[in-house]
Amino acid sequence: MLRFNTIGKITYMFKNVYIDERAPLVALLVAITKDFGPECYKDEAELLRQDIEHKYDIELSDLQADKIQAAMLILTTDHFESQWKVFESVCHLANSQHDSLDELNPLESEELIIGLVEANLIKHEVIHYDDDVNLYAGKVFYDYGFSKAPKLFPTAIMPHNTNESDDTEKNSAISELFDARTDIVLQYVNKLPKS
């Protein structure tokens, strides 16, 4: 009886992750990996979506399906760190916002930081960004008011700026956001079933 309840709880927990449109990318990645194994990373997006919907008798939203694909893309490719438009879209998805690769949708610095949290937790290694992404990030941080690349993204290529201001408060603000978001994501993931 206990085993049945445990299995039921696991099913219930992952079902909630799939339907929770605020679920972090990391949590969705954990759920699909535990449900279908790492082999599912190679599945076609629509096939994986059908498998989830069938297993849990739910209709997966387009946002959730896109977030799952974003998490797998971060883990299995270098597109997040090498293509600015993919970087932009994945960061929007990490913020639970729909995005299209066909439209320009500039990030705010806070959205970029939340995307970095997710990518760092998924990759679990130092990420080296290509110049296209560094230029894009530099523009985002410049628009936020940074005069130099922030400590959290030291490779950002900033637009030429003759006004050297003190970025201490801005660095502190995005560091606090990064740490707070990391804690939120880890708390969410730590509530997921372990088996």
C-alpha atoms as a PDB file:
ATOM      1  CA  MET A   1       0.000   0.000   0.000  1.00  0.00           C
ATOM      2  CA  LEU A   2       2.807   2.409   0.891  1.00  0.00           C
ATOM      3  CA  ARG A   3       4.526   1.697  -2.388  1.00  0.00           C
ATOM      4  CA  PHE A   4       1.353   2.508  -4.304  1.00  0.00           C
ATOM      5  CA  ASN A   5       0.993   5.773  -2.411  1.00  0.00           C
ATOM      6  CA  THR A   6       4.621   6.636  -3.099  1.00  0.00           C
ATOM      7  CA  ILE A   7       4.197   5.951  -6.814  1.00  0.00           C
ATOM      8  CA  GLY A   8       0.983   7.960  -6.818  1.00  0.00           C
ATOM      9  CA  LYS A   9       2.762  10.866  -5.125  1.00  0.00           C
ATOM     10  CA  ILE A  10       5.585  10.772  -7.672  1.00  0.00           C
ATOM     11  CA  THR A  11       3.069  10.787 -10.505  1.00  0.00           C
ATOM     12  CA  TYR A  12       1.193  13.631  -8.888  1.00  0.00           C
ATOM     13  CA  MET A  13       4.351  15.644  -8.274  1.00  0.00           C
ATOM     14  CA  PHE A  14       5.603  15.441 -11.846  1.00  0.00           C
ATOM     15  CA  LYS A  15       2.136  16.132 -13.216  1.00  0.00           C
ATOM     16  CA  ASN A  16       2.146  19.365 -11.215  1.00  0.00           C
ATOM     17  CA  VAL A  17       5.532  20.314 -12.654  1.00  0.00           C
ATOM     18  CA  TYR A  18       4.285  19.804 -16.197  1.00  0.00           C
ATOM     19  CA  ILE A  19       1.186  21.957 -15.666  1.00  0.00           C
ATOM     20  CA  ASP A  20       2.848  24.631 -13.504  1.00  0.00           C
ATOM     21  CA  GLU A  21       3.725  27.351 -16.011  1.00  0.00           C
ATOM     22  CA  ARG A  22       6.022  28.941 -13.412  1.00  0.00           C
ATOM     23  CA  ALA A  23       8.063  25.733 -13.079  1.00  0.00           C
ATOM     24  CA  PRO A  24      11.783  26.343 -13.582  1.00  0.00           C
ATOM     25  CA  LEU A  25      13.464  24.853 -16.641  1.00  0.00           C
ATOM     26  CA  VAL A  26      15.617  22.744 -14.324  1.00  0.00           C
ATOM     27  CA  ALA A  27      12.529  21.184 -12.700  1.00  0.00           C
ATOM     28  CA  LEU A  28      11.072  20.308 -16.088  1.00  0.00           C
ATOM     29  CA  LEU A  29      14.379  18.728 -17.092  1.00  0.00           C
ATOM     30  CA  VAL A  30      14.443  16.682 -13.871  1.00  0.00           C
ATOM     31  CA  ALA A  31      10.857  15.548 -14.465  1.00  0.00           C
ATOM     32  CA  ILE A  32      11.359  14.364 -18.049  1.00  0.00           C
ATOM     33  CA  THR A  33      14.643  12.698 -17.153  1.00  0.00           C
ATOM     34  CA  LYS A  34      13.071  10.754 -14.277  1.00  0.00           C
ATOM     35  CA  ASP A  35       9.963   9.953 -16.310  1.00  0.00           C
ATOM     36  CA  PHE A  36      11.543   8.968 -19.615  1.00  0.00           C
ATOM     37  CA  GLY A  37      15.304   8.717 -19.071  1.00  0.00           C
ATOM     38  CA  PRO A  38      18.037  10.722 -20.787  1.00  0.00           C
ATOM     39  CA  GLU A  39      17.167   8.990 -24.053  1.00  0.00           C
ATOM     40  CA  CYS A  40      14.202  11.370 -24.337  1.00  0.00           C
ATOM     41  CA  TYR A  41      16.599  14.236 -25.118  1.00  0.00           C
ATOM     42  CA  LYS A  42      16.919  12.759 -28.599  1.00  0.00           C
ATOM     43  CA  ASP A  43      13.146  12.481 -29.134  1.00  0.00           C
ATOM     44  CA  GLU A  44      11.268  14.763 -31.450  1.00  0.00           C
ATOM     45  CA  ALA A  45       9.625  17.572 -29.486  1.00  0.00           C
ATOM     46  CA  GLU A  46       6.107  16.539 -30.494  1.00  0.00           C
ATOM     47  CA  LEU A  47       6.713  12.884 -29.590  1.00  0.00           C
ATOM     48  CA  LEU A  48       7.959  13.810 -26.113  1.00  0.00           C
ATOM     49  CA  ARG A  49       4.976  16.107 -25.674  1.00  0.00           C
ATOM     50  CA  GLN A  50       2.600  13.294 -26.609  1.00  0.00           C
ATOM     51  CA  ASP A  51       4.340  10.930 -24.177  1.00  0.00           C
ATOM     52  CA  ILE A  52       3.918  13.410 -21.306  1.00  0.00           C
ATOM     53  CA  GLU A  53       0.287  14.105 -22.188  1.00  0.00           C
ATOM     54  CA  HIS A  54      -0.512  10.408 -22.456  1.00  0.00           C
ATOM     55  CA  LYS A  55       1.248   9.424 -19.220  1.00  0.00           C
ATOM     56  CA  TYR A  56      -0.433  12.140 -17.138  1.00  0.00           C
ATOM     57  CA  ASP A  57      -3.689  12.617 -19.060  1.00  0.00           C
ATOM     58  CA  ILE A  58      -3.032  16.332 -19.450  1.00  0.00           C
ATOM     59  CA  GLU A  59      -2.747  18.824 -22.265  1.00  0.00           C
ATOM     60  CA  LEU A  60       0.718  20.343 -22.102  1.00  0.00           C
ATOM     61  CA  SER A  61       0.668  24.062 -22.893  1.00  0.00           C
ATOM     62  CA  ASP A  62       2.786  25.410 -25.719  1.00  0.00           C
ATOM     63  CA  LEU A  63       4.749  27.400 -23.139  1.00  0.00           C
ATOM     64  CA  GLN A  64       5.579  24.277 -21.135  1.00  0.00           C
ATOM     65  CA  ALA A  65       6.527  22.334 -24.264  1.00  0.00           C
ATOM     66  CA  ASP A  66       8.813  25.186 -25.329  1.00  0.00           C
ATOM     67  CA  LYS A  67      10.357  25.386 -21.845  1.00  0.00           C
ATOM     68  CA  ILE A  68      11.128  21.659 -21.931  1.00  0.00           C
ATOM     69  CA  GLN A  69      12.799  22.088 -25.304  1.00  0.00           C
ATOM     70  CA  ALA A  70      14.774  25.078 -23.989  1.00  0.00           C
ATOM     71  CA  ALA A  71      16.050  23.049 -21.038  1.00  0.00           C
ATOM     72  CA  MET A  72      17.128  20.200 -23.315  1.00  0.00           C
ATOM     73  CA  LEU A  73      18.747  22.667 -25.736  1.00  0.00           C
ATOM     74  CA  ILE A  74      20.850  24.164 -22.932  1.00  0.00           C
ATOM     75  CA  LEU A  75      21.924  20.703 -21.809  1.00  0.00           C
ATOM     76  CA  THR A  76      22.628  19.072 -25.158  1.00  0.00           C
ATOM     77  CA  THR A  77      23.838  21.860 -27.482  1.00  0.00           C
ATOM     78  CA  ASP A  78      25.937  25.013 -27.461  1.00  0.00           C
ATOM     79  CA  HIS A  79      23.236  27.145 -29.108  1.00  0.00           C
ATOM     80  CA  PHE A  80      22.423  29.031 -25.884  1.00  0.00           C
ATOM     81  CA  GLU A  81      25.977  30.293 -25.562  1.00  0.00           C
ATOM     82  CA  SER A  82      26.725  30.731 -29.256  1.00  0.00           C
ATOM     83  CA  GLN A  83      23.599  32.235 -30.879  1.00  0.00           C
ATOM     84  CA  TRP A  84      22.239  35.500 -29.485  1.00  0.00           C
ATOM     85  CA  LYS A  85      18.670  34.911 -30.687  1.00  0.00           C
ATOM     86  CA  VAL A  86      18.539  31.474 -29.047  1.00  0.00           C
ATOM     87  CA  PHE A  87      20.039  33.039 -25.914  1.00  0.00           C
ATOM     88  CA  GLU A  88      17.305  35.693 -25.947  1.00  0.00           C
ATOM     89  CA  SER A  89      14.486  33.176 -26.491  1.00  0.00           C
ATOM     90  CA  VAL A  90      15.708  30.746 -23.839  1.00  0.00           C
ATOM     91  CA  CYS A  91      16.023  33.567 -21.299  1.00  0.00           C
ATOM     92  CA  HIS A  92      12.422  34.602 -22.014  1.00  0.00           C
ATOM     93  CA  LEU A  93      11.304  31.004 -21.555  1.00  0.00           C
ATOM     94  CA  ALA A  94      13.246  30.790 -18.285  1.00  0.00           C
ATOM     95  CA  ASN A  95      11.076  33.729 -17.211  1.00  0.00           C
ATOM     96  CA  SER A  96       7.953  31.773 -18.273  1.00  0.00           C
ATOM     97  CA  GLN A  97       7.321  34.115 -21.186  1.00  0.00           C
ATOM     98  CA  HIS A  98       6.401  33.019 -24.687  1.00  0.00           C
ATOM     99  CA  ASP A  99       8.948  33.955 -27.292  1.00  0.00           C
ATOM    100  CA  SER A 100       9.466  33.482 -30.982  1.00  0.00           C
ATOM    101  CA  LEU A 101      12.770  33.005 -32.736  1.00  0.00           C
ATOM    102  CA  ASP A 102      11.273  35.029 -35.600  1.00  0.00           C
ATOM    103  CA  GLU A 103      10.803  38.256 -33.632  1.00  0.00           C
ATOM    104  CA  LEU A 104      13.200  40.547 -31.811  1.00  0.00           C
ATOM    105  CA  ASN A 105      12.185  40.729 -28.155  1.00  0.00           C
ATOM    106  CA  PRO A 106      15.020  42.426 -26.213  1.00  0.00           C
ATOM    107  CA  LEU A 107      15.678  41.195 -22.702  1.00  0.00           C
ATOM    108  CA  GLU A 108      15.717  43.266 -19.561  1.00  0.00           C
ATOM    109  CA  SER A 109      18.764  42.681 -17.362  1.00  0.00           C
ATOM    110  CA  GLU A 110      16.636  40.893 -14.738  1.00  0.00           C
ATOM    111  CA  GLU A 111      15.319  38.476 -17.370  1.00  0.00           C
ATOM    112  CA  LEU A 112      18.844  37.806 -18.582  1.00  0.00           C
ATOM    113  CA  ILE A 113      20.000  37.034 -15.022  1.00  0.00           C
ATOM    114  CA  ILE A 114      17.159  34.547 -14.509  1.00  0.00           C
ATOM    115  CA  GLY A 115      18.184  32.850 -17.757  1.00  0.00           C
ATOM    116  CA  LEU A 116      21.765  32.651 -16.486  1.00  0.00           C
ATOM    117  CA  VAL A 117      20.596  30.984 -13.274  1.00  0.00           C
ATOM    118  CA  GLU A 118      18.778  28.279 -15.210  1.00  0.00           C
ATOM    119  CA  ALA A 119      21.655  27.722 -17.645  1.00  0.00           C
ATOM    120  CA  ASN A 120      24.225  27.504 -14.842  1.00  0.00           C
ATOM    121  CA  LEU A 121      22.124  24.965 -12.939  1.00  0.00           C
ATOM    122  CA  ILE A 122      21.499  22.875 -16.045  1.00  0.00           C
ATOM    123  CA  LYS A 123      25.047  22.953 -17.461  1.00  0.00           C
ATOM    124  CA  HIS A 124      26.688  22.813 -14.031  1.00  0.00           C
ATOM    125  CA  GLU A 125      29.921  24.141 -15.533  1.00  0.00           C
ATOM    126  CA  VAL A 126      31.481  27.426 -16.567  1.00  0.00           C
ATOM    127  CA  ILE A 127      29.756  28.588 -19.733  1.00  0.00           C
ATOM    128  CA  HIS A 128      31.844  30.324 -22.384  1.00  0.00           C
ATOM    129  CA  TYR A 129      29.784  32.693 -24.498  1.00  0.00           C
ATOM    130  CA  ASP A 130      30.573  33.552 -28.111  1.00  0.00           C
ATOM    131  CA  ASP A 131      31.011  37.184 -29.170  1.00  0.00           C
ATOM    132  CA  ASP A 132      27.456  37.439 -30.539  1.00  0.00           C
ATOM    133  CA  VAL A 133      26.013  36.610 -27.121  1.00  0.00           C
ATOM    134  CA  ASN A 134      28.582  38.769 -25.320  1.00  0.00           C
ATOM    135  CA  LEU A 135      27.642  41.744 -27.536  1.00  0.00           C
ATOM    136  CA  TYR A 136      23.947  41.128 -26.931  1.00  0.00           C
ATOM    137  CA  ALA A 137      24.453  40.865 -23.148  1.00  0.00           C
ATOM    138  CA  GLY A 138      26.615  43.997 -23.192  1.00  0.00           C
ATOM    139  CA  LYS A 139      23.810  45.980 -24.821  1.00  0.00           C
ATOM    140  CA  VAL A 140      21.293  44.696 -22.240  1.00  0.00           C
ATOM    141  CA  PHE A 141      23.528  45.649 -19.337  1.00  0.00           C
ATOM    142  CA  TYR A 142      24.441  48.993 -20.916  1.00  0.00           C
ATOM    143  CA  ASP A 143      20.726  49.800 -21.252  1.00  0.00           C
ATOM    144  CA  TYR A 144      20.332  48.922 -17.565  1.00  0.00           C
ATOM    145  CA  GLY A 145      22.980  51.524 -16.742  1.00  0.00           C
ATOM    146  CA  PHE A 146      26.225  49.577 -16.435  1.00  0.00           C
ATOM    147  CA  SER A 147      29.328  51.324 -17.720  1.00  0.00           C
ATOM    148  CA  LYS A 148      31.499  48.166 -17.495  1.00  0.00           C
ATOM    149  CA  ALA A 149      30.658  44.488 -17.859  1.00  0.00           C
ATOM    150  CA  PRO A 150      28.970  43.238 -14.698  1.00  0.00           C
ATOM    151  CA  LYS A 151      30.776  40.840 -12.401  1.00  0.00           C
ATOM    152  CA  LEU A 152      28.164  38.146 -13.124  1.00  0.00           C
ATOM    153  CA  PHE A 153      28.793  38.407 -16.864  1.00  0.00           C
ATOM    154  CA  PRO A 154      32.388  39.650 -17.187  1.00  0.00           C
ATOM    155  CA  THR A 155      32.646  38.679 -20.864  1.00  0.00           C
ATOM    156  CA  ALA A 156      29.815  41.028 -21.881  1.00  0.00           C
ATOM    157  CA  ILE A 157      31.071  43.354 -24.604  1.00  0.00           C
ATOM    158  CA  MET A 158      29.857  46.800 -23.644  1.00  0.00           C
ATOM    159  CA  PRO A 159      29.102  49.565 -26.147  1.00  0.00           C
ATOM    160  CA  HIS A 160      31.677  52.339 -26.130  1.00  0.00           C
ATOM    161  CA  ASN A 161      30.977  54.547 -23.165  1.00  0.00           C
ATOM    162  CA  THR A 162      32.835  57.677 -22.127  1.00  0.00           C
ATOM    163  CA  ASN A 163      30.827  57.977 -18.917  1.00  0.00           C
ATOM    164  CA  GLU A 164      32.547  55.733 -16.375  1.00  0.00           C
ATOM    165  CA  SER A 165      30.057  55.431 -13.532  1.00  0.00           C
ATOM    166  CA  ASP A 166      30.205  53.403 -10.338  1.00  0.00           C
ATOM    167  CA  ASP A 167      28.446  50.086 -10.998  1.00  0.00           C
ATOM    168  CA  THR A 168      28.661  48.844  -7.399  1.00  0.00           C
ATOM    169  CA  GLU A 169      24.929  49.134  -6.673  1.00  0.00           C
ATOM    170  CA  LYS A 170      23.938  47.588  -9.989  1.00  0.00           C
ATOM    171  CA  ASN A 171      26.368  44.695  -9.488  1.00  0.00           C
ATOM    172  CA  SER A 172      24.947  44.188  -6.015  1.00  0.00           C
ATOM    173  CA  ALA A 173      21.354  44.246  -7.306  1.00  0.00           C
ATOM    174  CA  ILE A 174      21.868  41.645 -10.020  1.00  0.00           C
ATOM    175  CA  SER A 175      23.957  39.468  -7.677  1.00  0.00           C
ATOM    176  CA  GLU A 176      21.118  39.515  -5.144  1.00  0.00           C
ATOM    177  CA  LEU A 177      18.649  38.602  -7.900  1.00  0.00           C
ATOM    178  CA  PHE A 178      20.926  35.782  -9.104  1.00  0.00           C
ATOM    179  CA  ASP A 179      21.283  34.347  -5.592  1.00  0.00           C
ATOM    180  CA  ALA A 180      17.575  34.712  -4.768  1.00  0.00           C
ATOM    181  CA  ARG A 181      16.509  33.058  -8.021  1.00  0.00           C
ATOM    182  CA  THR A 182      19.028  30.250  -7.516  1.00  0.00           C
ATOM    183  CA  ASP A 183      17.526  29.608  -4.066  1.00  0.00           C
ATOM    184  CA  ILE A 184      13.975  29.598  -5.466  1.00  0.00           C
ATOM    185  CA  VAL A 185      14.873  27.135  -8.220  1.00  0.00           C
ATOM    186  CA  LEU A 186      16.766  24.821  -5.864  1.00  0.00           C
ATOM    187  CA  GLN A 187      13.908  24.862  -3.338  1.00  0.00           C
ATOM    188  CA  TYR A 188      11.497  23.936  -6.138  1.00  0.00           C
ATOM    189  CA  VAL A 189      13.727  21.124  -7.380  1.00  0.00           C
ATOM    190  CA  ASN A 190      14.417  19.812  -3.855  1.00  0.00           C
ATOM    191  CA  LYS A 191      10.677  19.270  -3.371  1.00  0.00           C
ATOM    192  CA  LEU A 192      10.586  16.871  -6.319  1.00  0.00           C
ATOM    193  CA  PRO A 193      10.579  13.128  -5.648  1.00  0.00           C
ATOM    194  CA  LYS A 194      14.047  11.600  -5.412  1.00  0.00           C
ATOM    195  CA  SER A 195      13.194   8.248  -6.996  1.00  0.00           C
END
